[in-house]
C-alpha atoms as a PDB file:
ATOM      1  CA  UNK A   1      55.550  46.850  11.691  1.00  0.00           C
ATOM      2  CA  UNK A   2      54.971  44.163  14.297  1.00  0.00           C
ATOM      3  CA  UNK A   3      53.234  41.013  13.064  1.00  0.00           C
ATOM      4  CA  UNK A   4      50.097  39.918  14.860  1.00  0.00           C
ATOM      5  CA  UNK A   5      51.047  36.993  17.125  1.00  0.00           C
ATOM      6  CA  UNK A   6      48.004  34.962  16.162  1.00  0.00           C
ATOM      7  CA  UNK A   7      48.567  35.368  12.410  1.00  0.00           C
ATOM      8  CA  UNK A   8      49.137  31.972  10.793  1.00  0.00           C
ATOM      9  CA  UNK A   9      50.893  32.246   7.373  1.00  0.00           C
ATOM     10  CA  UNK A  10      49.846  28.726   6.328  1.00  0.00           C
ATOM     11  CA  UNK A  11      46.200  29.400   7.190  1.00  0.00           C
ATOM     12  CA  UNK A  12      46.409  32.742   5.374  1.00  0.00           C
ATOM     13  CA  UNK A  13      47.775  31.019   2.277  1.00  0.00           C
ATOM     14  CA  UNK A  14      45.036  28.392   2.440  1.00  0.00           C
ATOM     15  CA  UNK A  15      42.394  31.121   2.715  1.00  0.00           C
ATOM     16  CA  UNK A  16      43.851  32.946  -0.296  1.00  0.00           C
ATOM     17  CA  UNK A  17      43.825  29.724  -2.311  1.00  0.00           C
ATOM     18  CA  UNK A  18      40.024  29.582  -2.106  1.00  0.00           C
ATOM     19  CA  UNK A  19      39.970  32.439  -4.624  1.00  0.00           C
ATOM     20  CA  UNK A  20      39.794  30.680  -7.989  1.00  0.00           C
ATOM     21  CA  UNK A  21      42.208  32.040 -10.575  1.00  0.00           C
ATOM     22  CA  UNK A  22      43.430  31.248 -14.023  1.00  0.00           C
ATOM     23  CA  UNK A  23      46.923  29.874 -14.609  1.00  0.00           C
ATOM     24  CA  UNK A  24      49.549  31.683 -16.657  1.00  0.00           C
ATOM     25  CA  UNK A  25      53.136  31.216 -17.722  1.00  0.00           C
ATOM     26  CA  UNK A  26      55.182  34.406 -18.059  1.00  0.00           C
ATOM     27  CA  UNK A  27      58.181  34.266 -20.400  1.00  0.00           C
ATOM     28  CA  UNK A  28      61.114  36.502 -21.196  1.00  0.00           C
ATOM     29  CA  UNK A  29      64.838  36.201 -22.061  1.00  0.00           C
ATOM     30  CA  UNK A  30      67.734  36.796 -19.713  1.00  0.00           C
ATOM     31  CA  UNK A  31      70.835  38.893 -20.415  1.00  0.00           C
ATOM     32  CA  UNK A  32      72.434  35.946 -22.245  1.00  0.00           C
ATOM     33  CA  UNK A  33      69.389  35.574 -24.500  1.00  0.00           C
ATOM     34  CA  UNK A  34      68.264  32.329 -22.882  1.00  0.00           C
ATOM     35  CA  UNK A  35      64.502  31.746 -22.553  1.00  0.00           C
ATOM     36  CA  UNK A  36      63.058  32.079 -19.043  1.00  0.00           C
ATOM     37  CA  UNK A  37      59.565  31.170 -17.905  1.00  0.00           C
ATOM     38  CA  UNK A  38      57.604  30.920 -14.654  1.00  0.00           C
ATOM     39  CA  UNK A  39      54.101  29.741 -13.751  1.00  0.00           C
ATOM     40  CA  UNK A  40      52.004  32.407 -12.045  1.00  0.00           C
ATOM     41  CA  UNK A  41      48.386  32.823 -10.989  1.00  0.00           C
ATOM     42  CA  UNK A  42      48.835  36.423  -9.829  1.00  0.00           C
ATOM     43  CA  UNK A  43      47.995  37.798 -13.274  1.00  0.00           C
ATOM     44  CA  UNK A  44      45.280  40.441 -13.397  1.00  0.00           C
ATOM     45  CA  UNK A  45      43.968  43.283 -15.516  1.00  0.00           C
ATOM     46  CA  UNK A  46      44.656  46.885 -14.491  1.00  0.00           C
ATOM     47  CA  UNK A  47      43.345  49.193 -17.186  1.00  0.00           C
ATOM     48  CA  UNK A  48      41.651  49.148 -20.574  1.00  0.00           C
ATOM     49  CA  UNK A  49      42.881  52.564 -21.656  1.00  0.00           C
ATOM     50  CA  UNK A  50      45.792  52.388 -21.684  1.00  0.00           C
ATOM     51  CA  UNK A  51      45.843  48.557 -21.811  1.00  0.00           C
ATOM     52  CA  UNK A  52      47.696  47.485 -18.658  1.00  0.00           C
ATOM     53  CA  UNK A  53      48.037  44.163 -16.834  1.00  0.00           C
ATOM     54  CA  UNK A  54      49.988  43.079 -13.770  1.00  0.00           C
ATOM     55  CA  UNK A  55      51.534  40.038 -12.115  1.00  0.00           C
ATOM     56  CA  UNK A  56      53.942  39.478  -9.254  1.00  0.00           C
ATOM     57  CA  UNK A  57      57.088  37.423  -8.717  1.00  0.00           C
ATOM     58  CA  UNK A  58      58.733  36.387  -5.459  1.00  0.00           C
ATOM     59  CA  UNK A  59      61.914  38.309  -4.698  1.00  0.00           C
ATOM     60  CA  UNK A  60      63.573  34.964  -3.967  1.00  0.00           C
ATOM     61  CA  UNK A  61      62.859  33.647  -7.474  1.00  0.00           C
ATOM     62  CA  UNK A  62      65.947  32.763  -9.511  1.00  0.00           C
ATOM     63  CA  UNK A  63      64.253  34.259 -12.575  1.00  0.00           C
ATOM     64  CA  UNK A  64      63.764  37.701 -11.021  1.00  0.00           C
ATOM     65  CA  UNK A  65      66.882  39.292 -12.608  1.00  0.00           C
ATOM     66  CA  UNK A  66      65.721  38.238 -16.079  1.00  0.00           C
ATOM     67  CA  UNK A  67      62.373  39.998 -15.662  1.00  0.00           C
ATOM     68  CA  UNK A  68      63.857  43.138 -14.102  1.00  0.00           C
ATOM     69  CA  UNK A  69      66.563  43.473 -16.777  1.00  0.00           C
ATOM     70  CA  UNK A  70      64.350  42.694 -19.806  1.00  0.00           C
ATOM     71  CA  UNK A  71      61.341  44.963 -20.173  1.00  0.00           C
ATOM     72  CA  UNK A  72      59.605  42.602 -22.610  1.00  0.00           C
ATOM     73  CA  UNK A  73      57.613  39.582 -21.399  1.00  0.00           C
ATOM     74  CA  UNK A  74      54.669  37.523 -22.572  1.00  0.00           C
ATOM     75  CA  UNK A  75      51.709  36.281 -20.554  1.00  0.00           C
ATOM     76  CA  UNK A  76      50.156  32.963 -21.613  1.00  0.00           C
ATOM     77  CA  UNK A  77      46.713  32.178 -20.210  1.00  0.00           C
ATOM     78  CA  UNK A  78      46.928  28.398 -20.237  1.00  0.00           C
ATOM     79  CA  UNK A  79      44.239  26.198 -21.747  1.00  0.00           C
ATOM     80  CA  UNK A  80      42.750  23.271 -19.857  1.00  0.00           C
ATOM     81  CA  UNK A  81      45.061  20.792 -21.616  1.00  0.00           C
ATOM     82  CA  UNK A  82      48.238  22.616 -20.526  1.00  0.00           C
ATOM     83  CA  UNK A  83      48.317  21.589 -16.857  1.00  0.00           C
ATOM     84  CA  UNK A  84      51.473  19.514 -17.467  1.00  0.00           C
ATOM     85  CA  UNK A  85      53.158  22.578 -18.971  1.00  0.00           C
ATOM     86  CA  UNK A  86      52.123  24.591 -15.930  1.00  0.00           C
ATOM     87  CA  UNK A  87      53.703  22.040 -13.602  1.00  0.00           C
ATOM     88  CA  UNK A  88      56.922  22.043 -15.617  1.00  0.00           C
ATOM     89  CA  UNK A  89      57.344  25.820 -15.388  1.00  0.00           C
ATOM     90  CA  UNK A  90      56.483  25.799 -11.684  1.00  0.00           C
ATOM     91  CA  UNK A  91      59.477  23.539 -10.955  1.00  0.00           C
ATOM     92  CA  UNK A  92      63.223  24.089 -10.884  1.00  0.00           C
ATOM     93  CA  UNK A  93      66.212  22.339 -12.372  1.00  0.00           C
ATOM     94  CA  UNK A  94      64.651  21.309 -15.675  1.00  0.00           C
ATOM     95  CA  UNK A  95      65.038  22.303 -19.313  1.00  0.00           C
ATOM     96  CA  UNK A  96      61.586  23.822 -19.304  1.00  0.00           C
ATOM     97  CA  UNK A  97      61.482  24.823 -22.967  1.00  0.00           C
ATOM     98  CA  UNK A  98      62.506  21.437 -24.368  1.00  0.00           C
ATOM     99  CA  UNK A  99      59.949  20.312 -26.944  1.00  0.00           C
ATOM    100  CA  UNK A 100      57.714  23.369 -26.426  1.00  0.00           C
ATOM    101  CA  UNK A 101      56.199  24.708 -29.640  1.00  0.00           C
ATOM    102  CA  UNK A 102      56.698  28.462 -30.118  1.00  0.00           C
ATOM    103  CA  UNK A 103      55.114  31.104 -32.332  1.00  0.00           C
ATOM    104  CA  UNK A 104      56.766  34.216 -33.735  1.00  0.00           C
ATOM    105  CA  UNK A 105      55.670  37.255 -31.742  1.00  0.00           C
ATOM    106  CA  UNK A 106      56.419  40.955 -32.087  1.00  0.00           C
ATOM    107  CA  UNK A 107      59.931  40.280 -30.703  1.00  0.00           C
ATOM    108  CA  UNK A 108      62.062  37.303 -29.709  1.00  0.00           C
ATOM    109  CA  UNK A 109      60.302  36.723 -26.367  1.00  0.00           C
ATOM    110  CA  UNK A 110      59.111  33.078 -26.223  1.00  0.00           C
ATOM    111  CA  UNK A 111      55.466  32.825 -27.299  1.00  0.00           C
ATOM    112  CA  UNK A 112      53.667  29.523 -26.672  1.00  0.00           C
ATOM    113  CA  UNK A 113      51.018  27.948 -28.880  1.00  0.00           C
ATOM    114  CA  UNK A 114      47.623  26.416 -27.974  1.00  0.00           C
ATOM    115  CA  UNK A 115      46.823  28.885 -25.188  1.00  0.00           C
ATOM    116  CA  UNK A 116      43.455  30.370 -24.299  1.00  0.00           C
ATOM    117  CA  UNK A 117      44.889  33.894 -24.576  1.00  0.00           C
ATOM    118  CA  UNK A 118      48.279  35.569 -24.970  1.00  0.00           C
ATOM    119  CA  UNK A 119      49.459  39.067 -24.059  1.00  0.00           C
ATOM    120  CA  UNK A 120      52.750  40.484 -25.339  1.00  0.00           C
ATOM    121  CA  UNK A 121      53.832  43.160 -22.906  1.00  0.00           C
ATOM    122  CA  UNK A 122      56.453  45.737 -21.954  1.00  0.00           C
ATOM    123  CA  UNK A 123      57.143  46.715 -18.361  1.00  0.00           C
ATOM    124  CA  UNK A 124      55.584  50.078 -17.533  1.00  0.00           C
ATOM    125  CA  UNK A 125      56.154  50.114 -13.757  1.00  0.00           C
ATOM    126  CA  UNK A 126      57.366  47.872 -10.959  1.00  0.00           C
ATOM    127  CA  UNK A 127      56.267  48.154  -7.322  1.00  0.00           C
ATOM    128  CA  UNK A 128      57.381  46.689  -4.065  1.00  0.00           C
ATOM    129  CA  UNK A 129      54.847  44.214  -2.732  1.00  0.00           C
ATOM    130  CA  UNK A 130      56.227  42.737   0.475  1.00  0.00           C
ATOM    131  CA  UNK A 131      58.140  39.588  -0.429  1.00  0.00           C
ATOM    132  CA  UNK A 132      57.088  39.986  -4.101  1.00  0.00           C
ATOM    133  CA  UNK A 133      57.830  42.452  -6.876  1.00  0.00           C
ATOM    134  CA  UNK A 134      54.774  43.623  -8.822  1.00  0.00           C
ATOM    135  CA  UNK A 135      55.159  44.067 -12.579  1.00  0.00           C
ATOM    136  CA  UNK A 136      52.706  46.344 -14.401  1.00  0.00           C
ATOM    137  CA  UNK A 137      52.929  45.886 -18.130  1.00  0.00           C
ATOM    138  CA  UNK A 138      51.654  47.725 -21.169  1.00  0.00           C
ATOM    139  CA  UNK A 139      49.980  45.300 -23.581  1.00  0.00           C
ATOM    140  CA  UNK A 140      51.504  45.700 -27.031  1.00  0.00           C
ATOM    141  CA  UNK A 141      49.646  42.818 -28.708  1.00  0.00           C
ATOM    142  CA  UNK A 142      47.218  40.092 -27.709  1.00  0.00           C
ATOM    143  CA  UNK A 143      45.126  37.264 -29.110  1.00  0.00           C
ATOM    144  CA  UNK A 144      42.644  34.694 -27.828  1.00  0.00           C
ATOM    145  CA  UNK A 145      41.246  31.305 -28.822  1.00  0.00           C
ATOM    146  CA  UNK A 146      38.129  29.296 -28.009  1.00  0.00           C
ATOM    147  CA  UNK A 147      40.105  26.780 -25.921  1.00  0.00           C
ATOM    148  CA  UNK A 148      38.719  26.440 -22.374  1.00  0.00           C
ATOM    149  CA  UNK A 149      41.048  27.926 -19.732  1.00  0.00           C
ATOM    150  CA  UNK A 150      42.862  26.104 -16.955  1.00  0.00           C
ATOM    151  CA  UNK A 151      41.834  27.182 -13.459  1.00  0.00           C
ATOM    152  CA  UNK A 152      43.487  26.859 -10.042  1.00  0.00           C
ATOM    153  CA  UNK A 153      41.574  26.487  -6.806  1.00  0.00           C
ATOM    154  CA  UNK A 154      42.647  25.388  -3.298  1.00  0.00           C
ATOM    155  CA  UNK A 155      45.970  24.058  -4.511  1.00  0.00           C
ATOM    156  CA  UNK A 156      44.532  22.012  -7.371  1.00  0.00           C
ATOM    157  CA  UNK A 157      43.996  22.480 -11.071  1.00  0.00           C
ATOM    158  CA  UNK A 158      40.355  22.918 -12.005  1.00  0.00           C
ATOM    159  CA  UNK A 159      38.075  23.617 -14.949  1.00  0.00           C
ATOM    160  CA  UNK A 160      35.593  26.449 -15.119  1.00  0.00           C
ATOM    161  CA  UNK A 161      32.025  26.183 -16.320  1.00  0.00           C
ATOM    162  CA  UNK A 162      29.325  28.771 -16.911  1.00  0.00           C
ATOM    163  CA  UNK A 163      26.308  28.992 -14.639  1.00  0.00           C
ATOM    164  CA  UNK A 164      23.277  30.250 -16.597  1.00  0.00           C
ATOM    165  CA  UNK A 165      21.352  33.121 -15.069  1.00  0.00           C
ATOM    166  CA  UNK A 166      18.222  30.996 -15.287  1.00  0.00           C
ATOM    167  CA  UNK A 167      18.551  27.229 -15.004  1.00  0.00           C
ATOM    168  CA  UNK A 168      16.290  25.127 -17.175  1.00  0.00           C
ATOM    169  CA  UNK A 169      13.193  23.962 -15.354  1.00  0.00           C
ATOM    170  CA  UNK A 170      12.590  20.329 -16.261  1.00  0.00           C
ATOM    171  CA  UNK A 171       9.304  19.928 -14.438  1.00  0.00           C
ATOM    172  CA  UNK A 172       6.771  21.411 -12.070  1.00  0.00           C
ATOM    173  CA  UNK A 173       7.339  21.716  -8.347  1.00  0.00           C
ATOM    174  CA  UNK A 174       6.889  18.307  -6.681  1.00  0.00           C
ATOM    175  CA  UNK A 175       4.054  17.899  -4.193  1.00  0.00           C
ATOM    176  CA  UNK A 176       5.069  18.640  -0.574  1.00  0.00           C
ATOM    177  CA  UNK A 177       5.031  14.940   0.381  1.00  0.00           C
ATOM    178  CA  UNK A 178       7.435  14.023  -2.454  1.00  0.00           C
ATOM    179  CA  UNK A 179      11.164  14.515  -2.012  1.00  0.00           C
ATOM    180  CA  UNK A 180      11.983  13.421  -5.580  1.00  0.00           C
ATOM    181  CA  UNK A 181      13.043  16.561  -7.446  1.00  0.00           C
ATOM    182  CA  UNK A 182      14.769  17.465 -10.685  1.00  0.00           C
ATOM    183  CA  UNK A 183      17.953  18.181  -8.719  1.00  0.00           C
ATOM    184  CA  UNK A 184      18.373  14.521  -7.797  1.00  0.00           C
ATOM    185  CA  UNK A 185      21.719  13.439  -9.221  1.00  0.00           C
ATOM    186  CA  UNK A 186      20.448  10.020 -10.257  1.00  0.00           C
ATOM    187  CA  UNK A 187      17.563  11.570 -12.166  1.00  0.00           C
ATOM    188  CA  UNK A 188      19.826  14.067 -13.946  1.00  0.00           C
ATOM    189  CA  UNK A 189      22.448  11.459 -14.867  1.00  0.00           C
ATOM    190  CA  UNK A 190      19.802   8.935 -15.901  1.00  0.00           C
ATOM    191  CA  UNK A 191      17.765  11.317 -18.029  1.00  0.00           C
ATOM    192  CA  UNK A 192      20.868  12.694 -19.751  1.00  0.00           C
ATOM    193  CA  UNK A 193      22.052   9.133 -20.458  1.00  0.00           C
ATOM    194  CA  UNK A 194      18.783   7.957 -21.958  1.00  0.00           C
ATOM    195  CA  UNK A 195      18.297  11.101 -24.042  1.00  0.00           C
ATOM    196  CA  UNK A 196      21.816  10.791 -25.446  1.00  0.00           C
ATOM    197  CA  UNK A 197      21.360   7.065 -26.018  1.00  0.00           C
ATOM    198  CA  UNK A 198      18.067   7.684 -27.823  1.00  0.00           C
ATOM    199  CA  UNK A 199      19.830   9.967 -30.288  1.00  0.00           C
ATOM    200  CA  UNK A 200      22.388   7.222 -30.975  1.00  0.00           C
ATOM    201  CA  UNK A 201      19.704   4.521 -31.150  1.00  0.00           C
ATOM    202  CA  UNK A 202      17.932   6.382 -33.950  1.00  0.00           C
ATOM    203  CA  UNK A 203      21.138   6.368 -36.001  1.00  0.00           C
ATOM    204  CA  UNK A 204      21.877   2.705 -35.280  1.00  0.00           C
ATOM    205  CA  UNK A 205      18.358   1.684 -36.336  1.00  0.00           C
ATOM    206  CA  UNK A 206      19.265   2.160 -40.002  1.00  0.00           C
ATOM    207  CA  UNK A 207      21.966  -0.493 -39.613  1.00  0.00           C
ATOM    208  CA  UNK A 208      19.577  -2.952 -37.951  1.00  0.00           C
ATOM    209  CA  UNK A 209      21.901  -3.111 -34.933  1.00  0.00           C
ATOM    210  CA  UNK A 210      20.706  -2.083 -31.494  1.00  0.00           C
ATOM    211  CA  UNK A 211      22.778  -0.398 -28.812  1.00  0.00           C
ATOM    212  CA  UNK A 212      23.434  -3.716 -27.054  1.00  0.00           C
ATOM    213  CA  UNK A 213      25.189  -5.111 -30.113  1.00  0.00           C
ATOM    214  CA  UNK A 214      26.929  -1.745 -30.470  1.00  0.00           C
ATOM    215  CA  UNK A 215      28.417  -2.156 -26.986  1.00  0.00           C
ATOM    216  CA  UNK A 216      29.659  -5.670 -27.823  1.00  0.00           C
ATOM    217  CA  UNK A 217      31.256  -4.658 -31.125  1.00  0.00           C
ATOM    218  CA  UNK A 218      32.809  -1.583 -29.510  1.00  0.00           C
ATOM    219  CA  UNK A 219      34.415  -3.765 -26.824  1.00  0.00           C
ATOM    220  CA  UNK A 220      35.770  -6.200 -29.405  1.00  0.00           C
ATOM    221  CA  UNK A 221      37.053  -3.292 -31.495  1.00  0.00           C
ATOM    222  CA  UNK A 222      39.244  -2.257 -28.557  1.00  0.00           C
ATOM    223  CA  UNK A 223      40.040  -5.779 -27.312  1.00  0.00           C
ATOM    224  CA  UNK A 224      38.985  -8.977 -29.030  1.00  0.00           C
ATOM    225  CA  UNK A 225      39.861 -12.626 -28.430  1.00  0.00           C
ATOM    226  CA  UNK A 226      37.571 -12.478 -25.388  1.00  0.00           C
ATOM    227  CA  UNK A 227      35.353 -15.100 -23.798  1.00  0.00           C
ATOM    228  CA  UNK A 228      31.654 -14.480 -23.264  1.00  0.00           C
ATOM    229  CA  UNK A 229      32.364 -13.998 -19.563  1.00  0.00           C
ATOM    230  CA  UNK A 230      35.024 -11.390 -20.296  1.00  0.00           C
ATOM    231  CA  UNK A 231      32.724  -9.482 -22.662  1.00  0.00           C
ATOM    232  CA  UNK A 232      30.073  -9.432 -19.943  1.00  0.00           C
ATOM    233  CA  UNK A 233      32.647  -8.112 -17.459  1.00  0.00           C
ATOM    234  CA  UNK A 234      33.117  -5.079 -19.695  1.00  0.00           C
ATOM    235  CA  UNK A 235      29.437  -4.341 -20.407  1.00  0.00           C
ATOM    236  CA  UNK A 236      27.877  -5.351 -17.094  1.00  0.00           C
ATOM    237  CA  UNK A 237      27.405  -1.659 -16.226  1.00  0.00           C
ATOM    238  CA  UNK A 238      24.615  -1.535 -18.843  1.00  0.00           C
ATOM    239  CA  UNK A 239      22.472  -3.881 -16.785  1.00  0.00           C
ATOM    240  CA  UNK A 240      22.057  -6.233 -19.750  1.00  0.00           C
ATOM    241  CA  UNK A 241      23.704  -9.610 -20.232  1.00  0.00           C
ATOM    242  CA  UNK A 242      25.453 -10.594 -23.440  1.00  0.00           C
ATOM    243  CA  UNK A 243      24.053 -14.007 -24.324  1.00  0.00           C
ATOM    244  CA  UNK A 244      25.321 -16.804 -26.510  1.00  0.00           C
ATOM    245  CA  UNK A 245      22.369 -16.158 -28.836  1.00  0.00           C
ATOM    246  CA  UNK A 246      23.461 -12.546 -29.390  1.00  0.00           C
ATOM    247  CA  UNK A 247      26.981 -13.711 -30.242  1.00  0.00           C
ATOM    248  CA  UNK A 248      25.504 -16.295 -32.601  1.00  0.00           C
ATOM    249  CA  UNK A 249      23.489 -13.531 -34.299  1.00  0.00           C
ATOM    250  CA  UNK A 250      26.636 -11.415 -34.742  1.00  0.00           C
ATOM    251  CA  UNK A 251      28.453 -14.486 -36.055  1.00  0.00           C
ATOM    252  CA  UNK A 252      25.745 -15.144 -38.674  1.00  0.00           C
ATOM    253  CA  UNK A 253      25.991 -11.515 -39.742  1.00  0.00           C
ATOM    254  CA  UNK A 254      29.712 -12.032 -40.280  1.00  0.00           C
ATOM    255  CA  UNK A 255      30.781  -9.558 -37.599  1.00  0.00           C
ATOM    256  CA  UNK A 256      32.415 -11.934 -35.118  1.00  0.00           C
ATOM    257  CA  UNK A 257      34.145 -15.295 -35.439  1.00  0.00           C
ATOM    258  CA  UNK A 258      34.318 -17.950 -32.704  1.00  0.00           C
ATOM    259  CA  UNK A 259      37.730 -19.390 -31.896  1.00  0.00           C
ATOM    260  CA  UNK A 260      38.124 -22.320 -29.529  1.00  0.00           C
ATOM    261  CA  UNK A 261      41.508 -22.277 -27.844  1.00  0.00           C
ATOM    262  CA  UNK A 262      42.507 -24.995 -25.377  1.00  0.00           C
ATOM    263  CA  UNK A 263      38.856 -25.851 -24.871  1.00  0.00           C
ATOM    264  CA  UNK A 264      37.872 -22.192 -24.207  1.00  0.00           C
ATOM    265  CA  UNK A 265      35.536 -20.406 -26.644  1.00  0.00           C
ATOM    266  CA  UNK A 266      36.691 -16.915 -27.522  1.00  0.00           C
ATOM    267  CA  UNK A 267      35.362 -14.354 -29.976  1.00  0.00           C
ATOM    268  CA  UNK A 268      37.303 -12.436 -32.599  1.00  0.00           C
ATOM    269  CA  UNK A 269      36.165  -9.359 -34.503  1.00  0.00           C
ATOM    270  CA  UNK A 270      36.102  -9.920 -38.252  1.00  0.00           C
ATOM    271  CA  UNK A 271      37.127  -7.336 -40.840  1.00  0.00           C
ATOM    272  CA  UNK A 272      33.434  -6.669 -41.536  1.00  0.00           C
ATOM    273  CA  UNK A 273      32.754  -6.360 -37.821  1.00  0.00           C
ATOM    274  CA  UNK A 274      35.590  -3.881 -37.359  1.00  0.00           C
ATOM    275  CA  UNK A 275      34.386  -1.798 -40.291  1.00  0.00           C
ATOM    276  CA  UNK A 276      30.847  -1.751 -38.887  1.00  0.00           C
ATOM    277  CA  UNK A 277      32.094  -0.909 -35.401  1.00  0.00           C
ATOM    278  CA  UNK A 278      34.136   2.008 -36.701  1.00  0.00           C
ATOM    279  CA  UNK A 279      31.077   3.275 -38.581  1.00  0.00           C
ATOM    280  CA  UNK A 280      29.012   3.034 -35.383  1.00  0.00           C
ATOM    281  CA  UNK A 281      31.660   4.820 -33.345  1.00  0.00           C
ATOM    282  CA  UNK A 282      31.669   7.558 -35.987  1.00  0.00           C
ATOM    283  CA  UNK A 283      27.893   7.876 -35.507  1.00  0.00           C
ATOM    284  CA  UNK A 284      28.378   8.092 -31.741  1.00  0.00           C
ATOM    285  CA  UNK A 285      30.995  10.807 -32.230  1.00  0.00           C
ATOM    286  CA  UNK A 286      28.594  12.695 -34.486  1.00  0.00           C
ATOM    287  CA  UNK A 287      25.997  12.657 -31.705  1.00  0.00           C
ATOM    288  CA  UNK A 288      28.679  13.822 -29.272  1.00  0.00           C
ATOM    289  CA  UNK A 289      29.813  16.613 -31.582  1.00  0.00           C
ATOM    290  CA  UNK A 290      26.259  17.948 -31.815  1.00  0.00           C
ATOM    291  CA  UNK A 291      26.135  18.005 -28.027  1.00  0.00           C
ATOM    292  CA  UNK A 292      29.522  19.746 -27.768  1.00  0.00           C
ATOM    293  CA  UNK A 293      28.344  22.425 -30.183  1.00  0.00           C
ATOM    294  CA  UNK A 294      25.379  23.109 -27.902  1.00  0.00           C
ATOM    295  CA  UNK A 295      27.331  23.009 -24.625  1.00  0.00           C
ATOM    296  CA  UNK A 296      30.556  24.593 -25.838  1.00  0.00           C
ATOM    297  CA  UNK A 297      34.090  23.212 -25.574  1.00  0.00           C
ATOM    298  CA  UNK A 298      34.663  24.448 -22.020  1.00  0.00           C
ATOM    299  CA  UNK A 299      31.484  23.016 -20.487  1.00  0.00           C
ATOM    300  CA  UNK A 300      31.905  19.773 -22.447  1.00  0.00           C
ATOM    301  CA  UNK A 301      35.343  19.293 -20.955  1.00  0.00           C
ATOM    302  CA  UNK A 302      34.056  20.020 -17.458  1.00  0.00           C
ATOM    303  CA  UNK A 303      31.233  17.531 -18.011  1.00  0.00           C
ATOM    304  CA  UNK A 304      33.670  14.812 -19.086  1.00  0.00           C
ATOM    305  CA  UNK A 305      35.817  15.402 -16.029  1.00  0.00           C
ATOM    306  CA  UNK A 306      32.831  15.235 -13.674  1.00  0.00           C
ATOM    307  CA  UNK A 307      31.526  12.090 -15.370  1.00  0.00           C
ATOM    308  CA  UNK A 308      34.918  10.436 -14.937  1.00  0.00           C
ATOM    309  CA  UNK A 309      34.820  11.305 -11.241  1.00  0.00           C
ATOM    310  CA  UNK A 310      31.263   9.991 -11.008  1.00  0.00           C
ATOM    311  CA  UNK A 311      32.290   6.733 -12.684  1.00  0.00           C
ATOM    312  CA  UNK A 312      35.249   6.390 -10.341  1.00  0.00           C
ATOM    313  CA  UNK A 313      33.092   7.074  -7.292  1.00  0.00           C
ATOM    314  CA  UNK A 314      30.449   4.499  -8.287  1.00  0.00           C
ATOM    315  CA  UNK A 315      32.721   1.882  -9.902  1.00  0.00           C
ATOM    316  CA  UNK A 316      31.944  -1.574  -8.449  1.00  0.00           C
ATOM    317  CA  UNK A 317      35.284  -2.863  -9.714  1.00  0.00           C
ATOM    318  CA  UNK A 318      34.794  -3.215 -13.460  1.00  0.00           C
ATOM    319  CA  UNK A 319      37.889  -4.085 -15.526  1.00  0.00           C
ATOM    320  CA  UNK A 320      39.583  -1.323 -17.478  1.00  0.00           C
ATOM    321  CA  UNK A 321      38.709  -1.785 -21.141  1.00  0.00           C
ATOM    322  CA  UNK A 322      41.664   0.299 -22.315  1.00  0.00           C
ATOM    323  CA  UNK A 323      44.254  -1.518 -20.195  1.00  0.00           C
ATOM    324  CA  UNK A 324      46.450  -4.115 -21.942  1.00  0.00           C
ATOM    325  CA  UNK A 325      44.660  -7.452 -22.120  1.00  0.00           C
ATOM    326  CA  UNK A 326      47.469  -9.205 -20.259  1.00  0.00           C
ATOM    327  CA  UNK A 327      46.878  -6.980 -17.225  1.00  0.00           C
ATOM    328  CA  UNK A 328      43.134  -7.612 -17.038  1.00  0.00           C
ATOM    329  CA  UNK A 329      42.762 -11.214 -18.078  1.00  0.00           C
ATOM    330  CA  UNK A 330      46.245 -12.673 -17.899  1.00  0.00           C
ATOM    331  CA  UNK A 331      45.231 -14.967 -15.051  1.00  0.00           C
ATOM    332  CA  UNK A 332      42.357 -16.437 -17.091  1.00  0.00           C
ATOM    333  CA  UNK A 333      44.330 -17.309 -20.226  1.00  0.00           C
END
């Protein structure tokens, strides 16, 4: 067969990559009994009765003899947290199985833990597929979890989320002269923020601490020995300023302690303040857990990823609260 002159393999590959797939690792053992594994996104279902699945492997792959000689192999549909594992098994020249936790399957074929789904298979047929060999396997055993799956799209790892058949209508159609709609990103992010904050505020009310003090104590719980200016650097995104009077209030409550070092006033979190902060964070996590139960683990993880990207895209240059203090404020000390 003569190839079409205008056919561009790179463009063809890029076009194929627009089809979003899951990510799997296929494992077996070679003739010496050594574990072998490869990352593949060519996995697909074939039949329910009998239960058959397929995947393909490049004929140039070093692992090909292991899969052609051993009829038993396992398919692991990776969870969203296993992207590092996927990258490891997509590379060469590495002890891929080092430190990997394994379960006992129906035979000695390596069976990973913490996957979204697992299929223990036996080769039923193999077919030529151009520069790949197609393996069709009979599923001998399988299991699944509630862990969200890892996806792959346009050469990058991705997360999948569900799109409801009918999206929630938050309001009536705007008048023709108004371009402000419920699909405005600022409105959606703002309303979600304030509704979530209101749920936390109701819980904090019983402790006679508002969310502003909660932010301050949370910062000091992660990093204390900070000046008022440094605390404000961390919470400036809230649009509210931490004042000396607020710190004095927290001091009188026994939650913070002032410490003047080399003429610079810094604030330390007391034992009582740390205990209160941990209680407040537990309340915040309770609010979050209620939300996760409503959204589901998969959509919650997608939401967190998108929020991180939103924060990165809109970040005016705020310091990283979780970075070591010496990196952020070493020049000020």
